[in-house]
């Protein structure tokens, strides 16, 4: 949507600094640190490609400054450090941070889902425009690759199932408890293992 409404929304990208030995550790364990870094770098580039239509801010971790992330996300409006002990706290704080910048609706994405498209992000914002309180993009592993909403939805991050197959179900239970009406997008797959990477690249046998 053009105009003032578009200016009140933003995508928040959760990204880890591309440091050798610190990214994609499950891939590094089987195929080495160089391979893991190369795959993560490809996923950063893919994520940036999906954001060309959207105003976006990068919430980073793994370094004191954005560093090379600025090269991967040259169109980012700003970079800020993630704050919080748990992923849930960091996501809630990212919503609050961007609310302080004047935004009212946020779509938070990670960089582990190269199958996510700009259409998914647009669909999430459209769901908010059409009266839903939140929109969630399920991940095939039981988590989610995208979550959109307002500061009124930060209670969705107060769950325990981070990095488990129960995250999505716990989040939907929290939504029901809090009276938050959620729209679910089509499921997408994260890339956590080398086999996941081969599937994404169409190289799996």
C-alpha atoms as a PDB file:
ATOM      1  CA  UNK A   1       0.000   0.000   0.000  1.00  0.00           C
ATOM      2  CA  UNK A   2       1.340   3.411  -0.931  1.00  0.00           C
ATOM      3  CA  UNK A   3       1.395   6.604   1.028  1.00  0.00           C
ATOM      4  CA  UNK A   4       1.314   7.144   4.774  1.00  0.00           C
ATOM      5  CA  UNK A   5       0.288   3.576   5.602  1.00  0.00           C
ATOM      6  CA  UNK A   6       3.363   2.186   3.824  1.00  0.00           C
ATOM      7  CA  UNK A   7       5.607   4.548   5.755  1.00  0.00           C
ATOM      8  CA  UNK A   8       4.246   3.190   9.047  1.00  0.00           C
ATOM      9  CA  UNK A   9       5.364  -0.386   8.330  1.00  0.00           C
ATOM     10  CA  UNK A  10       8.766  -2.011   8.133  1.00  0.00           C
ATOM     11  CA  UNK A  11      10.482  -5.361   7.864  1.00  0.00           C
ATOM     12  CA  UNK A  12      12.873  -6.274  10.681  1.00  0.00           C
ATOM     13  CA  UNK A  13      15.642  -8.643   9.603  1.00  0.00           C
ATOM     14  CA  UNK A  14      17.277 -10.761  12.296  1.00  0.00           C
ATOM     15  CA  UNK A  15      20.799 -11.476  11.059  1.00  0.00           C
ATOM     16  CA  UNK A  16      23.986 -12.856  12.544  1.00  0.00           C
ATOM     17  CA  UNK A  17      27.319 -11.347  11.573  1.00  0.00           C
ATOM     18  CA  UNK A  18      28.890 -13.565   8.865  1.00  0.00           C
ATOM     19  CA  UNK A  19      31.889 -14.698  10.893  1.00  0.00           C
ATOM     20  CA  UNK A  20      33.703 -17.906  10.033  1.00  0.00           C
ATOM     21  CA  UNK A  21      33.173 -20.522  12.734  1.00  0.00           C
ATOM     22  CA  UNK A  22      30.122 -18.774  14.206  1.00  0.00           C
ATOM     23  CA  UNK A  23      27.370 -19.414  11.647  1.00  0.00           C
ATOM     24  CA  UNK A  24      25.482 -22.530  10.510  1.00  0.00           C
ATOM     25  CA  UNK A  25      27.209 -24.682  13.108  1.00  0.00           C
ATOM     26  CA  UNK A  26      25.303 -27.837  12.147  1.00  0.00           C
ATOM     27  CA  UNK A  27      26.593 -27.522   8.596  1.00  0.00           C
ATOM     28  CA  UNK A  28      30.062 -26.659   9.869  1.00  0.00           C
ATOM     29  CA  UNK A  29      30.093 -29.842  11.953  1.00  0.00           C
ATOM     30  CA  UNK A  30      29.666 -31.986   8.833  1.00  0.00           C
ATOM     31  CA  UNK A  31      31.214 -29.898   6.046  1.00  0.00           C
ATOM     32  CA  UNK A  32      33.541 -27.392   7.702  1.00  0.00           C
ATOM     33  CA  UNK A  33      33.524 -23.726   8.615  1.00  0.00           C
ATOM     34  CA  UNK A  34      34.283 -22.442   5.100  1.00  0.00           C
ATOM     35  CA  UNK A  35      31.329 -24.321   3.622  1.00  0.00           C
ATOM     36  CA  UNK A  36      29.025 -23.130   6.409  1.00  0.00           C
ATOM     37  CA  UNK A  37      30.068 -19.508   5.891  1.00  0.00           C
ATOM     38  CA  UNK A  38      29.595 -19.747   2.127  1.00  0.00           C
ATOM     39  CA  UNK A  39      26.085 -21.156   2.561  1.00  0.00           C
ATOM     40  CA  UNK A  40      25.142 -18.536   5.151  1.00  0.00           C
ATOM     41  CA  UNK A  41      26.469 -15.781   2.896  1.00  0.00           C
ATOM     42  CA  UNK A  42      24.283 -17.085   0.047  1.00  0.00           C
ATOM     43  CA  UNK A  43      21.290 -16.996   2.371  1.00  0.00           C
ATOM     44  CA  UNK A  44      22.042 -13.411   3.383  1.00  0.00           C
ATOM     45  CA  UNK A  45      22.113 -12.420  -0.287  1.00  0.00           C
ATOM     46  CA  UNK A  46      18.853 -14.273  -0.935  1.00  0.00           C
ATOM     47  CA  UNK A  47      17.173 -12.556   2.034  1.00  0.00           C
ATOM     48  CA  UNK A  48      18.299  -9.145   0.801  1.00  0.00           C
ATOM     49  CA  UNK A  49      16.847  -9.883  -2.643  1.00  0.00           C
ATOM     50  CA  UNK A  50      13.398 -10.460  -1.143  1.00  0.00           C
ATOM     51  CA  UNK A  51      13.475  -7.067   0.578  1.00  0.00           C
ATOM     52  CA  UNK A  52      14.000  -4.750  -2.375  1.00  0.00           C
ATOM     53  CA  UNK A  53      10.330  -3.651  -2.290  1.00  0.00           C
ATOM     54  CA  UNK A  54      10.247  -3.003   1.449  1.00  0.00           C
ATOM     55  CA  UNK A  55      11.633  -0.552   3.948  1.00  0.00           C
ATOM     56  CA  UNK A  56      13.746  -2.677   6.292  1.00  0.00           C
ATOM     57  CA  UNK A  57      15.957  -2.477   9.359  1.00  0.00           C
ATOM     58  CA  UNK A  58      18.556  -5.077  10.317  1.00  0.00           C
ATOM     59  CA  UNK A  59      18.745  -6.276  13.923  1.00  0.00           C
ATOM     60  CA  UNK A  60      22.128  -7.935  14.210  1.00  0.00           C
ATOM     61  CA  UNK A  61      23.982 -10.149  16.650  1.00  0.00           C
ATOM     62  CA  UNK A  62      27.402 -11.790  16.803  1.00  0.00           C
ATOM     63  CA  UNK A  63      29.397  -8.548  16.578  1.00  0.00           C
ATOM     64  CA  UNK A  64      29.599  -5.083  18.089  1.00  0.00           C
ATOM     65  CA  UNK A  65      28.910  -3.408  14.739  1.00  0.00           C
ATOM     66  CA  UNK A  66      27.126  -4.426  11.516  1.00  0.00           C
ATOM     67  CA  UNK A  67      30.423  -4.902   9.680  1.00  0.00           C
ATOM     68  CA  UNK A  68      29.947  -6.991   6.527  1.00  0.00           C
ATOM     69  CA  UNK A  69      26.178  -7.069   7.030  1.00  0.00           C
ATOM     70  CA  UNK A  70      26.100  -3.532   5.637  1.00  0.00           C
ATOM     71  CA  UNK A  71      27.456  -4.930   2.377  1.00  0.00           C
ATOM     72  CA  UNK A  72      24.770  -7.612   2.209  1.00  0.00           C
ATOM     73  CA  UNK A  73      21.951  -5.184   3.068  1.00  0.00           C
ATOM     74  CA  UNK A  74      22.944  -1.936   1.323  1.00  0.00           C
ATOM     75  CA  UNK A  75      19.338  -0.681   1.209  1.00  0.00           C
ATOM     76  CA  UNK A  76      18.687  -1.111   4.950  1.00  0.00           C
ATOM     77  CA  UNK A  77      17.296   1.988   6.637  1.00  0.00           C
ATOM     78  CA  UNK A  78      19.296   1.265   9.790  1.00  0.00           C
ATOM     79  CA  UNK A  79      21.152  -1.401  11.745  1.00  0.00           C
ATOM     80  CA  UNK A  80      20.719  -1.996  15.477  1.00  0.00           C
ATOM     81  CA  UNK A  81      21.916  -4.627  17.912  1.00  0.00           C
ATOM     82  CA  UNK A  82      19.572  -7.289  19.199  1.00  0.00           C
ATOM     83  CA  UNK A  83      18.876  -6.937  22.931  1.00  0.00           C
ATOM     84  CA  UNK A  84      17.637  -9.620  25.303  1.00  0.00           C
ATOM     85  CA  UNK A  85      18.578 -12.933  26.886  1.00  0.00           C
ATOM     86  CA  UNK A  86      16.245 -15.120  24.840  1.00  0.00           C
ATOM     87  CA  UNK A  87      15.179 -14.980  21.225  1.00  0.00           C
ATOM     88  CA  UNK A  88      11.693 -14.041  22.407  1.00  0.00           C
ATOM     89  CA  UNK A  89      13.012 -11.061  24.356  1.00  0.00           C
ATOM     90  CA  UNK A  90      15.120  -9.963  21.383  1.00  0.00           C
ATOM     91  CA  UNK A  91      12.137 -10.131  19.040  1.00  0.00           C
ATOM     92  CA  UNK A  92       9.901  -8.204  21.419  1.00  0.00           C
ATOM     93  CA  UNK A  93      12.606  -5.572  21.899  1.00  0.00           C
ATOM     94  CA  UNK A  94      13.022  -5.257  18.127  1.00  0.00           C
ATOM     95  CA  UNK A  95       9.298  -4.508  17.770  1.00  0.00           C
ATOM     96  CA  UNK A  96       9.558  -1.922  20.533  1.00  0.00           C
ATOM     97  CA  UNK A  97      12.685  -0.380  19.026  1.00  0.00           C
ATOM     98  CA  UNK A  98      11.018   0.106  15.649  1.00  0.00           C
ATOM     99  CA  UNK A  99       7.867   1.398  17.317  1.00  0.00           C
ATOM    100  CA  UNK A 100      10.102   4.056  18.835  1.00  0.00           C
ATOM    101  CA  UNK A 101      11.132   4.999  15.294  1.00  0.00           C
ATOM    102  CA  UNK A 102       7.511   5.678  14.423  1.00  0.00           C
ATOM    103  CA  UNK A 103       6.439   2.402  12.802  1.00  0.00           C
ATOM    104  CA  UNK A 104       3.171   0.720  13.711  1.00  0.00           C
ATOM    105  CA  UNK A 105       3.361  -2.624  11.898  1.00  0.00           C
ATOM    106  CA  UNK A 106       6.333  -4.923  11.696  1.00  0.00           C
ATOM    107  CA  UNK A 107       7.221  -8.062   9.782  1.00  0.00           C
ATOM    108  CA  UNK A 108      10.129  -9.880  11.412  1.00  0.00           C
ATOM    109  CA  UNK A 109      12.131 -12.363   9.334  1.00  0.00           C
ATOM    110  CA  UNK A 110      15.306 -14.343   9.796  1.00  0.00           C
ATOM    111  CA  UNK A 111      17.928 -15.297   7.217  1.00  0.00           C
ATOM    112  CA  UNK A 112      17.561 -19.086   7.403  1.00  0.00           C
ATOM    113  CA  UNK A 113      14.641 -19.413   4.976  1.00  0.00           C
ATOM    114  CA  UNK A 114      15.764 -18.800   1.386  1.00  0.00           C
ATOM    115  CA  UNK A 115      12.441 -20.145   0.112  1.00  0.00           C
ATOM    116  CA  UNK A 116      10.575 -17.171   1.543  1.00  0.00           C
ATOM    117  CA  UNK A 117       9.662 -14.587  -1.093  1.00  0.00           C
ATOM    118  CA  UNK A 118       8.678 -10.961  -1.230  1.00  0.00           C
ATOM    119  CA  UNK A 119       5.143 -12.188  -1.891  1.00  0.00           C
ATOM    120  CA  UNK A 120       5.132 -13.854   1.536  1.00  0.00           C
ATOM    121  CA  UNK A 121       6.067 -10.574   3.189  1.00  0.00           C
ATOM    122  CA  UNK A 122       3.463  -8.683   1.175  1.00  0.00           C
ATOM    123  CA  UNK A 123       0.844 -11.291   2.141  1.00  0.00           C
ATOM    124  CA  UNK A 124       1.700 -10.833   5.823  1.00  0.00           C
ATOM    125  CA  UNK A 125       1.175  -7.076   5.629  1.00  0.00           C
ATOM    126  CA  UNK A 126      -2.024  -7.615   3.624  1.00  0.00           C
ATOM    127  CA  UNK A 127      -3.368  -9.853   6.398  1.00  0.00           C
ATOM    128  CA  UNK A 128      -2.791  -7.033   8.893  1.00  0.00           C
ATOM    129  CA  UNK A 129      -4.522  -4.605   6.527  1.00  0.00           C
ATOM    130  CA  UNK A 130      -7.487  -6.992   6.348  1.00  0.00           C
ATOM    131  CA  UNK A 131      -8.080  -7.072  10.087  1.00  0.00           C
ATOM    132  CA  UNK A 132      -5.837  -9.822  11.415  1.00  0.00           C
ATOM    133  CA  UNK A 133      -3.767  -8.947  14.475  1.00  0.00           C
ATOM    134  CA  UNK A 134      -0.787 -11.036  13.406  1.00  0.00           C
ATOM    135  CA  UNK A 135       0.502 -13.105  10.490  1.00  0.00           C
ATOM    136  CA  UNK A 136       2.842 -16.083  10.853  1.00  0.00           C
ATOM    137  CA  UNK A 137       4.809 -17.988   8.232  1.00  0.00           C
ATOM    138  CA  UNK A 138       5.175 -21.584   9.479  1.00  0.00           C
ATOM    139  CA  UNK A 139       8.474 -23.389   9.024  1.00  0.00           C
ATOM    140  CA  UNK A 140       8.580 -27.076   8.155  1.00  0.00           C
ATOM    141  CA  UNK A 141      10.512 -27.856  11.360  1.00  0.00           C
ATOM    142  CA  UNK A 142       7.689 -26.680  13.629  1.00  0.00           C
ATOM    143  CA  UNK A 143       8.865 -23.120  14.095  1.00  0.00           C
ATOM    144  CA  UNK A 144       8.202 -20.063  11.966  1.00  0.00           C
ATOM    145  CA  UNK A 145      10.227 -18.064   9.453  1.00  0.00           C
ATOM    146  CA  UNK A 146       8.156 -14.863   9.600  1.00  0.00           C
ATOM    147  CA  UNK A 147       5.938 -13.123  12.118  1.00  0.00           C
ATOM    148  CA  UNK A 148       4.128  -9.850  11.589  1.00  0.00           C
ATOM    149  CA  UNK A 149       2.052  -7.665  13.871  1.00  0.00           C
ATOM    150  CA  UNK A 150       2.169  -4.621  16.122  1.00  0.00           C
ATOM    151  CA  UNK A 151       3.479  -3.938  19.615  1.00  0.00           C
ATOM    152  CA  UNK A 152       0.191  -5.388  20.874  1.00  0.00           C
ATOM    153  CA  UNK A 153       1.482  -8.778  19.676  1.00  0.00           C
ATOM    154  CA  UNK A 154       4.692  -8.932  21.708  1.00  0.00           C
ATOM    155  CA  UNK A 155       3.023 -11.404  24.085  1.00  0.00           C
ATOM    156  CA  UNK A 156       3.415 -13.973  21.304  1.00  0.00           C
ATOM    157  CA  UNK A 157       7.141 -14.017  22.071  1.00  0.00           C
ATOM    158  CA  UNK A 158       6.597 -15.046  25.705  1.00  0.00           C
ATOM    159  CA  UNK A 159       6.845 -18.785  25.037  1.00  0.00           C
ATOM    160  CA  UNK A 160       9.329 -21.504  25.941  1.00  0.00           C
ATOM    161  CA  UNK A 161       9.704 -23.550  22.771  1.00  0.00           C
ATOM    162  CA  UNK A 162      12.487 -21.669  21.035  1.00  0.00           C
ATOM    163  CA  UNK A 163      14.566 -23.912  18.738  1.00  0.00           C
ATOM    164  CA  UNK A 164      12.136 -26.791  19.220  1.00  0.00           C
ATOM    165  CA  UNK A 165       9.421 -28.335  16.996  1.00  0.00           C
ATOM    166  CA  UNK A 166       6.855 -26.891  19.423  1.00  0.00           C
ATOM    167  CA  UNK A 167       7.458 -23.195  18.762  1.00  0.00           C
ATOM    168  CA  UNK A 168       4.616 -22.660  16.302  1.00  0.00           C
ATOM    169  CA  UNK A 169       2.068 -24.563  18.373  1.00  0.00           C
ATOM    170  CA  UNK A 170       3.079 -22.709  21.543  1.00  0.00           C
ATOM    171  CA  UNK A 171       2.855 -19.384  19.711  1.00  0.00           C
ATOM    172  CA  UNK A 172      -0.628 -20.200  18.430  1.00  0.00           C
ATOM    173  CA  UNK A 173      -1.674 -21.244  21.940  1.00  0.00           C
ATOM    174  CA  UNK A 174      -0.381 -17.896  23.235  1.00  0.00           C
ATOM    175  CA  UNK A 175      -2.371 -16.105  20.516  1.00  0.00           C
ATOM    176  CA  UNK A 176      -5.546 -17.898  21.543  1.00  0.00           C
ATOM    177  CA  UNK A 177      -4.933 -17.079  25.197  1.00  0.00           C
ATOM    178  CA  UNK A 178      -4.269 -13.404  24.424  1.00  0.00           C
ATOM    179  CA  UNK A 179      -7.129 -13.013  21.959  1.00  0.00           C
ATOM    180  CA  UNK A 180      -4.771 -12.331  19.046  1.00  0.00           C
ATOM    181  CA  UNK A 181      -6.247 -13.339  15.690  1.00  0.00           C
ATOM    182  CA  UNK A 182      -3.547 -14.881  13.456  1.00  0.00           C
ATOM    183  CA  UNK A 183      -3.337 -15.513   9.731  1.00  0.00           C
ATOM    184  CA  UNK A 184      -1.100 -18.421   8.673  1.00  0.00           C
ATOM    185  CA  UNK A 185       0.882 -18.177   5.452  1.00  0.00           C
ATOM    186  CA  UNK A 186       2.097 -21.112   3.380  1.00  0.00           C
ATOM    187  CA  UNK A 187       4.794 -23.203   5.119  1.00  0.00           C
ATOM    188  CA  UNK A 188       8.425 -22.777   4.033  1.00  0.00           C
ATOM    189  CA  UNK A 189      11.577 -24.728   4.850  1.00  0.00           C
ATOM    190  CA  UNK A 190      14.594 -23.435   6.755  1.00  0.00           C
ATOM    191  CA  UNK A 191      18.139 -24.397   5.836  1.00  0.00           C
ATOM    192  CA  UNK A 192      19.728 -25.895   8.942  1.00  0.00           C
ATOM    193  CA  UNK A 193      21.681 -28.853   7.504  1.00  0.00           C
ATOM    194  CA  UNK A 194      23.683 -29.538   4.378  1.00  0.00           C
ATOM    195  CA  UNK A 195      20.846 -31.735   3.129  1.00  0.00           C
ATOM    196  CA  UNK A 196      18.483 -28.762   3.542  1.00  0.00           C
ATOM    197  CA  UNK A 197      20.880 -26.676   1.464  1.00  0.00           C
ATOM    198  CA  UNK A 198      20.986 -29.261  -1.315  1.00  0.00           C
ATOM    199  CA  UNK A 199      17.189 -29.368  -1.358  1.00  0.00           C
ATOM    200  CA  UNK A 200      17.023 -25.577  -1.652  1.00  0.00           C
ATOM    201  CA  UNK A 201      19.508 -25.604  -4.519  1.00  0.00           C
ATOM    202  CA  UNK A 202      17.674 -28.457  -6.215  1.00  0.00           C
ATOM    203  CA  UNK A 203      20.672 -30.756  -5.893  1.00  0.00           C
ATOM    204  CA  UNK A 204      19.196 -33.423  -3.625  1.00  0.00           C
ATOM    205  CA  UNK A 205      19.171 -36.919  -5.160  1.00  0.00           C
END
